[in-house]
Full PDB file with SEQRES, HELIX, SHEET, SSBOND, CRYST1, ORIGX, SCALE, CONECT and MASTER records, all heavy atoms in Angstrom:
SEQRES   1 A   33  GLY CYS SER GLY GLY THR ASP SER SER PHE LEU LEU TYR          
SEQRES   2 A   33  ALA ALA ALA ASN ALA LEU PRO GLY ARG VAL LEU ALA VAL          
SEQRES   3 A   33  THR ALA ASP HIS PRO LEU MET                                  
HELIX    1 AA1 THR A    6  ALA A   18  1                                  13    
CRYST1    1.000    1.000    1.000  90.00  90.00  90.00 P 1           1          
ORIGX1      1.000000  0.000000  0.000000        0.00000                         
ORIGX2      0.000000  1.000000  0.000000        0.00000                         
ORIGX3      0.000000  0.000000  1.000000        0.00000                         
SCALE1      1.000000  0.000000  0.000000        0.00000                         
SCALE2      0.000000  1.000000  0.000000        0.00000                         
SCALE3      0.000000  0.000000  1.000000        0.00000                         
ATOM      1  N   GLY A   1     -20.842  23.832  12.506  1.00  0.00           N  
ATOM      2  CA  GLY A   1     -20.650  22.698  13.392  1.00  0.00           C  
ATOM      3  C   GLY A   1     -20.401  21.453  12.568  1.00  0.00           C  
ATOM      4  O   GLY A   1     -21.136  21.168  11.625  1.00  0.00           O  
ATOM      5  N   CYS A   2     -19.365  20.708  12.903  1.00  0.00           N  
ATOM      6  CA  CYS A   2     -18.988  19.533  12.113  1.00  0.00           C  
ATOM      7  C   CYS A   2     -18.896  18.320  13.035  1.00  0.00           C  
ATOM      8  O   CYS A   2     -18.005  18.251  13.887  1.00  0.00           O  
ATOM      9  CB  CYS A   2     -17.653  19.778  11.412  1.00  0.00           C  
ATOM     10  SG  CYS A   2     -17.181  18.466  10.262  1.00  0.00           S  
ATOM     11  N   SER A   3     -19.811  17.373  12.863  1.00  0.00           N  
ATOM     12  CA  SER A   3     -19.873  16.202  13.734  1.00  0.00           C  
ATOM     13  C   SER A   3     -19.137  15.000  13.166  1.00  0.00           C  
ATOM     14  O   SER A   3     -19.007  13.980  13.845  1.00  0.00           O  
ATOM     15  CB  SER A   3     -21.333  15.814  13.975  1.00  0.00           C  
ATOM     16  OG  SER A   3     -21.918  15.367  12.756  1.00  0.00           O  
ATOM     17  N   GLY A   4     -18.693  15.101  11.920  1.00  0.00           N  
ATOM     18  CA  GLY A   4     -18.030  13.974  11.276  1.00  0.00           C  
ATOM     19  C   GLY A   4     -18.958  13.131  10.430  1.00  0.00           C  
ATOM     20  O   GLY A   4     -18.500  12.250   9.692  1.00  0.00           O  
ATOM     21  N   GLY A   5     -20.262  13.382  10.514  1.00  0.00           N  
ATOM     22  CA  GLY A   5     -21.230  12.640   9.716  1.00  0.00           C  
ATOM     23  C   GLY A   5     -21.391  13.220   8.321  1.00  0.00           C  
ATOM     24  O   GLY A   5     -20.819  14.257   7.984  1.00  0.00           O  
ATOM     25  N   THR A   6     -22.218  12.561   7.512  1.00  0.00           N  
ATOM     26  CA  THR A   6     -22.400  12.971   6.119  1.00  0.00           C  
ATOM     27  C   THR A   6     -23.038  14.353   6.009  1.00  0.00           C  
ATOM     28  O   THR A   6     -22.609  15.188   5.207  1.00  0.00           O  
ATOM     29  CB  THR A   6     -23.272  11.947   5.377  1.00  0.00           C  
ATOM     30  OG1 THR A   6     -22.689  10.648   5.504  1.00  0.00           O  
ATOM     31  CG2 THR A   6     -23.374  12.299   3.906  1.00  0.00           C  
ATOM     32  N   ASP A   7     -24.058  14.618   6.816  1.00  0.00           N  
ATOM     33  CA  ASP A   7     -24.795  15.878   6.699  1.00  0.00           C  
ATOM     34  C   ASP A   7     -23.908  17.084   6.972  1.00  0.00           C  
ATOM     35  O   ASP A   7     -23.842  18.023   6.170  1.00  0.00           O  
ATOM     36  CB  ASP A   7     -25.987  15.891   7.661  1.00  0.00           C  
ATOM     37  CG  ASP A   7     -27.002  14.806   7.352  1.00  0.00           C  
ATOM     38  OD1 ASP A   7     -26.969  14.265   6.231  1.00  0.00           O  
ATOM     39  OD2 ASP A   7     -27.816  14.497   8.229  1.00  0.00           O  
ATOM     40  N   SER A   8     -23.230  17.081   8.118  1.00  0.00           N  
ATOM     41  CA  SER A   8     -22.406  18.242   8.459  1.00  0.00           C  
ATOM     42  C   SER A   8     -21.195  18.353   7.528  1.00  0.00           C  
ATOM     43  O   SER A   8     -20.733  19.459   7.242  1.00  0.00           O  
ATOM     44  CB  SER A   8     -21.959  18.181   9.918  1.00  0.00           C  
ATOM     45  OG  SER A   8     -21.108  17.075  10.160  1.00  0.00           O  
ATOM     46  N   SER A   9     -20.690  17.225   7.049  1.00  0.00           N  
ATOM     47  CA  SER A   9     -19.562  17.263   6.109  1.00  0.00           C  
ATOM     48  C   SER A   9     -19.990  17.878   4.776  1.00  0.00           C  
ATOM     49  O   SER A   9     -19.259  18.681   4.186  1.00  0.00           O  
ATOM     50  CB  SER A   9     -19.018  15.851   5.873  1.00  0.00           C  
ATOM     51  OG  SER A   9     -18.486  15.300   7.062  1.00  0.00           O  
ATOM     52  N   PHE A  10     -21.198  17.513   4.323  1.00  0.00           N  
ATOM     53  CA  PHE A  10     -21.682  18.092   3.075  1.00  0.00           C  
ATOM     54  C   PHE A  10     -21.973  19.577   3.236  1.00  0.00           C  
ATOM     55  O   PHE A  10     -21.693  20.379   2.331  1.00  0.00           O  
ATOM     56  CB  PHE A  10     -22.937  17.366   2.596  1.00  0.00           C  
ATOM     57  CG  PHE A  10     -23.569  18.030   1.406  1.00  0.00           C  
ATOM     58  CD1 PHE A  10     -22.943  18.043   0.173  1.00  0.00           C  
ATOM     59  CD2 PHE A  10     -24.776  18.702   1.539  1.00  0.00           C  
ATOM     60  CE1 PHE A  10     -23.502  18.698  -0.916  1.00  0.00           C  
ATOM     61  CE2 PHE A  10     -25.340  19.354   0.466  1.00  0.00           C  
ATOM     62  CZ  PHE A  10     -24.707  19.352  -0.775  1.00  0.00           C  
ATOM     63  N   LEU A  11     -22.534  19.961   4.377  1.00  0.00           N  
ATOM     64  CA  LEU A  11     -22.762  21.390   4.636  1.00  0.00           C  
ATOM     65  C   LEU A  11     -21.438  22.142   4.562  1.00  0.00           C  
ATOM     66  O   LEU A  11     -21.363  23.225   3.969  1.00  0.00           O  
ATOM     67  CB  LEU A  11     -23.402  21.586   6.010  1.00  0.00           C  
ATOM     68  CG  LEU A  11     -23.490  23.038   6.498  1.00  0.00           C  
ATOM     69  CD1 LEU A  11     -24.319  23.892   5.549  1.00  0.00           C  
ATOM     70  CD2 LEU A  11     -24.056  23.093   7.916  1.00  0.00           C  
ATOM     71  N   LEU A  12     -20.400  21.567   5.133  1.00  0.00           N  
ATOM     72  CA  LEU A  12     -19.087  22.211   5.115  1.00  0.00           C  
ATOM     73  C   LEU A  12     -18.555  22.320   3.685  1.00  0.00           C  
ATOM     74  O   LEU A  12     -17.971  23.334   3.305  1.00  0.00           O  
ATOM     75  CB  LEU A  12     -18.119  21.412   5.981  1.00  0.00           C  
ATOM     76  CG  LEU A  12     -16.800  22.086   6.332  1.00  0.00           C  
ATOM     77  CD1 LEU A  12     -17.048  23.400   7.074  1.00  0.00           C  
ATOM     78  CD2 LEU A  12     -15.948  21.152   7.181  1.00  0.00           C  
ATOM     79  N   TYR A  13     -18.781  21.277   2.899  1.00  0.00           N  
ATOM     80  CA  TYR A  13     -18.371  21.308   1.483  1.00  0.00           C  
ATOM     81  C   TYR A  13     -19.080  22.445   0.752  1.00  0.00           C  
ATOM     82  O   TYR A  13     -18.461  23.223   0.013  1.00  0.00           O  
ATOM     83  CB  TYR A  13     -18.698  19.971   0.828  1.00  0.00           C  
ATOM     84  CG  TYR A  13     -18.592  19.978  -0.683  1.00  0.00           C  
ATOM     85  CD1 TYR A  13     -17.372  19.771  -1.316  1.00  0.00           C  
ATOM     86  CD2 TYR A  13     -19.722  20.199  -1.477  1.00  0.00           C  
ATOM     87  CE1 TYR A  13     -17.270  19.791  -2.703  1.00  0.00           C  
ATOM     88  CE2 TYR A  13     -19.633  20.219  -2.865  1.00  0.00           C  
ATOM     89  CZ  TYR A  13     -18.403  20.012  -3.463  1.00  0.00           C  
ATOM     90  OH  TYR A  13     -18.315  20.055  -4.836  1.00  0.00           O  
ATOM     91  N   ALA A  14     -20.394  22.542   0.944  1.00  0.00           N  
ATOM     92  CA  ALA A  14     -21.162  23.592   0.278  1.00  0.00           C  
ATOM     93  C   ALA A  14     -20.707  24.976   0.735  1.00  0.00           C  
ATOM     94  O   ALA A  14     -20.560  25.896  -0.077  1.00  0.00           O  
ATOM     95  CB  ALA A  14     -22.659  23.400   0.556  1.00  0.00           C  
ATOM     96  N   ALA A  15     -20.468  25.127   2.039  1.00  0.00           N  
ATOM     97  CA  ALA A  15     -20.030  26.416   2.570  1.00  0.00           C  
ATOM     98  C   ALA A  15     -18.659  26.799   2.029  1.00  0.00           C  
ATOM     99  O   ALA A  15     -18.400  27.974   1.722  1.00  0.00           O  
ATOM    100  CB  ALA A  15     -20.011  26.362   4.097  1.00  0.00           C  
ATOM    101  N   ALA A  16     -17.777  25.808   1.905  1.00  0.00           N  
ATOM    102  CA  ALA A  16     -16.436  26.080   1.383  1.00  0.00           C  
ATOM    103  C   ALA A  16     -16.497  26.542  -0.066  1.00  0.00           C  
ATOM    104  O   ALA A  16     -15.669  27.345  -0.512  1.00  0.00           O  
ATOM    105  CB  ALA A  16     -15.567  24.829   1.507  1.00  0.00           C  
ATOM    106  N   ASN A  17     -17.480  26.054  -0.811  1.00  0.00           N  
ATOM    107  CA  ASN A  17     -17.671  26.487  -2.198  1.00  0.00           C  
ATOM    108  C   ASN A  17     -18.277  27.882  -2.272  1.00  0.00           C  
ATOM    109  O   ASN A  17     -17.888  28.688  -3.110  1.00  0.00           O  
ATOM    110  CB  ASN A  17     -18.576  25.496  -2.940  1.00  0.00           C  
ATOM    111  CG  ASN A  17     -17.824  24.305  -3.491  1.00  0.00           C  
ATOM    112  OD1 ASN A  17     -17.307  24.332  -4.607  1.00  0.00           O  
ATOM    113  ND2 ASN A  17     -17.751  23.236  -2.712  1.00  0.00           N  
ATOM    114  N   ALA A  18     -19.247  28.152  -1.404  1.00  0.00           N  
ATOM    115  CA  ALA A  18     -19.972  29.420  -1.475  1.00  0.00           C  
ATOM    116  C   ALA A  18     -19.250  30.559  -0.772  1.00  0.00           C  
ATOM    117  O   ALA A  18     -19.411  31.729  -1.149  1.00  0.00           O  
ATOM    118  CB  ALA A  18     -21.373  29.243  -0.875  1.00  0.00           C  
ATOM    119  N   LEU A  19     -18.474  30.222   0.274  1.00  0.00           N  
ATOM    120  CA  LEU A  19     -17.808  31.241   1.087  1.00  0.00           C  
ATOM    121  C   LEU A  19     -16.318  30.914   1.250  1.00  0.00           C  
ATOM    122  O   LEU A  19     -15.835  30.745   2.375  1.00  0.00           O  
ATOM    123  CB  LEU A  19     -18.462  31.325   2.469  1.00  0.00           C  
ATOM    124  CG  LEU A  19     -19.902  31.827   2.550  1.00  0.00           C  
ATOM    125  CD1 LEU A  19     -20.483  31.529   3.929  1.00  0.00           C  
ATOM    126  CD2 LEU A  19     -19.964  33.323   2.268  1.00  0.00           C  
ATOM    127  N   PRO A  20     -15.568  30.810   0.197  1.00  0.00           N  
ATOM    128  CA  PRO A  20     -14.152  30.430   0.324  1.00  0.00           C  
ATOM    129  C   PRO A  20     -13.387  31.387   1.221  1.00  0.00           C  
ATOM    130  O   PRO A  20     -13.476  32.601   1.081  1.00  0.00           O  
ATOM    131  CB  PRO A  20     -13.643  30.488  -1.126  1.00  0.00           C  
ATOM    132  CG  PRO A  20     -14.622  31.360  -1.853  1.00  0.00           C  
ATOM    133  CD  PRO A  20     -15.941  31.132  -1.198  1.00  0.00           C  
ATOM    134  N   GLY A  21     -12.670  30.791   2.186  1.00  0.00           N  
ATOM    135  CA  GLY A  21     -11.862  31.592   3.088  1.00  0.00           C  
ATOM    136  C   GLY A  21     -12.623  32.262   4.209  1.00  0.00           C  
ATOM    137  O   GLY A  21     -12.034  32.995   5.009  1.00  0.00           O  
ATOM    138  N   ARG A  22     -13.940  32.026   4.293  1.00  0.00           N  
ATOM    139  CA  ARG A  22     -14.756  32.698   5.322  1.00  0.00           C  
ATOM    140  C   ARG A  22     -15.535  31.696   6.169  1.00  0.00           C  
ATOM    141  O   ARG A  22     -16.599  32.002   6.714  1.00  0.00           O  
ATOM    142  CB  ARG A  22     -15.713  33.684   4.659  1.00  0.00           C  
ATOM    143  CG  ARG A  22     -15.018  34.887   4.021  1.00  0.00           C  
ATOM    144  CD  ARG A  22     -16.028  35.828   3.397  1.00  0.00           C  
ATOM    145  NE  ARG A  22     -16.559  35.282   2.130  1.00  0.00           N  
ATOM    146  CZ  ARG A  22     -17.683  35.673   1.559  1.00  0.00           C  
ATOM    147  NH1 ARG A  22     -18.431  36.593   2.156  1.00  0.00           N  
ATOM    148  NH2 ARG A  22     -18.081  35.151   0.419  1.00  0.00           N  
ATOM    149  N   VAL A  23     -14.980  30.476   6.272  1.00  0.00           N  
ATOM    150  CA  VAL A  23     -15.665  29.407   7.013  1.00  0.00           C  
ATOM    151  C   VAL A  23     -14.705  28.797   8.031  1.00  0.00           C  
ATOM    152  O   VAL A  23     -13.536  28.547   7.734  1.00  0.00           O  
ATOM    153  CB  VAL A  23     -16.159  28.298   6.057  1.00  0.00           C  
ATOM    154  CG1 VAL A  23     -16.868  27.200   6.842  1.00  0.00           C  
ATOM    155  CG2 VAL A  23     -17.076  28.872   4.987  1.00  0.00           C  
ATOM    156  N   LEU A  24     -15.214  28.580   9.233  1.00  0.00           N  
ATOM    157  CA  LEU A  24     -14.485  27.848  10.264  1.00  0.00           C  
ATOM    158  C   LEU A  24     -15.329  26.648  10.675  1.00  0.00           C  
ATOM    159  O   LEU A  24     -16.506  26.793  10.992  1.00  0.00           O  
ATOM    160  CB  LEU A  24     -14.218  28.737  11.483  1.00  0.00           C  
ATOM    161  CG  LEU A  24     -13.612  28.028  12.717  1.00  0.00           C  
ATOM    162  CD1 LEU A  24     -12.197  27.532  12.419  1.00  0.00           C  
ATOM    163  CD2 LEU A  24     -13.604  28.960  13.931  1.00  0.00           C  
ATOM    164  N   ALA A  25     -14.733  25.461  10.643  1.00  0.00           N  
ATOM    165  CA  ALA A  25     -15.412  24.249  11.100  1.00  0.00           C  
ATOM    166  C   ALA A  25     -15.042  23.996  12.553  1.00  0.00           C  
ATOM    167  O   ALA A  25     -13.869  24.085  12.929  1.00  0.00           O  
ATOM    168  CB  ALA A  25     -15.011  23.057  10.240  1.00  0.00           C  
ATOM    169  N   VAL A  26     -16.033  23.691  13.375  1.00  0.00           N  
ATOM    170  CA  VAL A  26     -15.791  23.440  14.800  1.00  0.00           C  
ATOM    171  C   VAL A  26     -16.497  22.150  15.204  1.00  0.00           C  
ATOM    172  O   VAL A  26     -17.666  21.937  14.871  1.00  0.00           O  
ATOM    173  CB  VAL A  26     -16.290  24.606  15.670  1.00  0.00           C  
ATOM    174  CG1 VAL A  26     -16.044  24.309  17.151  1.00  0.00           C  
ATOM    175  CG2 VAL A  26     -15.592  25.907  15.279  1.00  0.00           C  
ATOM    176  N   THR A  27     -15.779  21.307  15.920  1.00  0.00           N  
ATOM    177  CA  THR A  27     -16.347  20.062  16.436  1.00  0.00           C  
ATOM    178  C   THR A  27     -16.351  20.107  17.955  1.00  0.00           C  
ATOM    179  O   THR A  27     -15.302  20.301  18.576  1.00  0.00           O  
ATOM    180  CB  THR A  27     -15.520  18.848  15.972  1.00  0.00           C  
ATOM    181  OG1 THR A  27     -15.472  18.831  14.542  1.00  0.00           O  
ATOM    182  CG2 THR A  27     -16.146  17.546  16.459  1.00  0.00           C  
ATOM    183  N   ALA A  28     -17.527  19.981  18.536  1.00  0.00           N  
ATOM    184  CA  ALA A  28     -17.633  19.915  19.996  1.00  0.00           C  
ATOM    185  C   ALA A  28     -17.118  18.555  20.442  1.00  0.00           C  
ATOM    186  O   ALA A  28     -17.684  17.516  20.089  1.00  0.00           O  
ATOM    187  CB  ALA A  28     -19.082  20.116  20.424  1.00  0.00           C  
ATOM    188  N   ASP A  29     -16.051  18.554  21.197  1.00  0.00           N  
ATOM    189  CA  ASP A  29     -15.388  17.328  21.639  1.00  0.00           C  
ATOM    190  C   ASP A  29     -15.825  17.008  23.066  1.00  0.00           C  
ATOM    191  O   ASP A  29     -15.427  17.676  24.014  1.00  0.00           O  
ATOM    192  CB  ASP A  29     -13.868  17.529  21.559  1.00  0.00           C  
ATOM    193  CG  ASP A  29     -13.096  16.299  22.000  1.00  0.00           C  
ATOM    194  OD1 ASP A  29     -13.721  15.247  22.228  1.00  0.00           O  
ATOM    195  OD2 ASP A  29     -11.858  16.395  22.128  1.00  0.00           O  
ATOM    196  N   HIS A  30     -16.668  15.989  23.198  1.00  0.00           N  
ATOM    197  CA  HIS A  30     -17.210  15.645  24.510  1.00  0.00           C  
ATOM    198  C   HIS A  30     -17.393  14.135  24.623  1.00  0.00           C  
ATOM    199  O   HIS A  30     -17.320  13.418  23.608  1.00  0.00           O  
ATOM    200  CB  HIS A  30     -18.542  16.372  24.740  1.00  0.00           C  
ATOM    201  CG  HIS A  30     -19.531  16.169  23.645  1.00  0.00           C  
ATOM    202  ND1 HIS A  30     -20.269  15.019  23.516  1.00  0.00           N  
ATOM    203  CD2 HIS A  30     -19.904  16.967  22.605  1.00  0.00           C  
ATOM    204  CE1 HIS A  30     -21.060  15.115  22.456  1.00  0.00           C  
ATOM    205  NE2 HIS A  30     -20.855  16.283  21.882  1.00  0.00           N  
ATOM    206  N   PRO A  31     -17.639  13.599  25.821  1.00  0.00           N  
ATOM    207  CA  PRO A  31     -17.707  12.141  26.019  1.00  0.00           C  
ATOM    208  C   PRO A  31     -18.868  11.443  25.308  1.00  0.00           C  
ATOM    209  O   PRO A  31     -18.855  10.220  25.194  1.00  0.00           O  
ATOM    210  CB  PRO A  31     -17.857  11.997  27.540  1.00  0.00           C  
ATOM    211  CG  PRO A  31     -17.366  13.270  28.105  1.00  0.00           C  
ATOM    212  CD  PRO A  31     -17.696  14.320  27.101  1.00  0.00           C  
ATOM    213  N   LEU A  32     -19.863  12.194  24.853  1.00  0.00           N  
ATOM    214  CA  LEU A  32     -20.998  11.571  24.167  1.00  0.00           C  
ATOM    215  C   LEU A  32     -20.704  11.357  22.685  1.00  0.00           C  
ATOM    216  O   LEU A  32     -21.527  10.790  21.972  1.00  0.00           O  
ATOM    217  CB  LEU A  32     -22.257  12.434  24.314  1.00  0.00           C  
ATOM    218  CG  LEU A  32     -22.670  12.826  25.734  1.00  0.00           C  
ATOM    219  CD1 LEU A  32     -24.005  13.541  25.714  1.00  0.00           C  
ATOM    220  CD2 LEU A  32     -22.735  11.607  26.643  1.00  0.00           C  
ATOM    221  N   MET A  33     -19.547  11.805  22.220  1.00  0.00           N  
ATOM    222  CA  MET A  33     -19.180  11.709  20.814  1.00  0.00           C  
ATOM    223  C   MET A  33     -18.149  10.602  20.617  1.00  0.00           C  
ATOM    224  O   MET A  33     -17.160  10.515  21.346  1.00  0.00           O  
ATOM    225  CB  MET A  33     -18.597  13.035  20.324  1.00  0.00           C  
ATOM    226  CG  MET A  33     -18.240  13.048  18.857  1.00  0.00           C  
ATOM    227  SD  MET A  33     -17.508  14.628  18.370  1.00  0.00           S  
ATOM    228  CE  MET A  33     -17.721  14.541  16.586  1.00  0.00           C  
TER     229      MET A  33                                                      
MASTER        0    0    0    1    0    0    0    6  228    1    0    3          
END                                                                             
């Protein structure tokens, strides 16, 4: 899950390093965001 903030962005960075080619980032697009 990627919200655009620092925490989820860093998690995505770490996942991309540890699991190259096996990661999908998804952002829930809703009116509260």
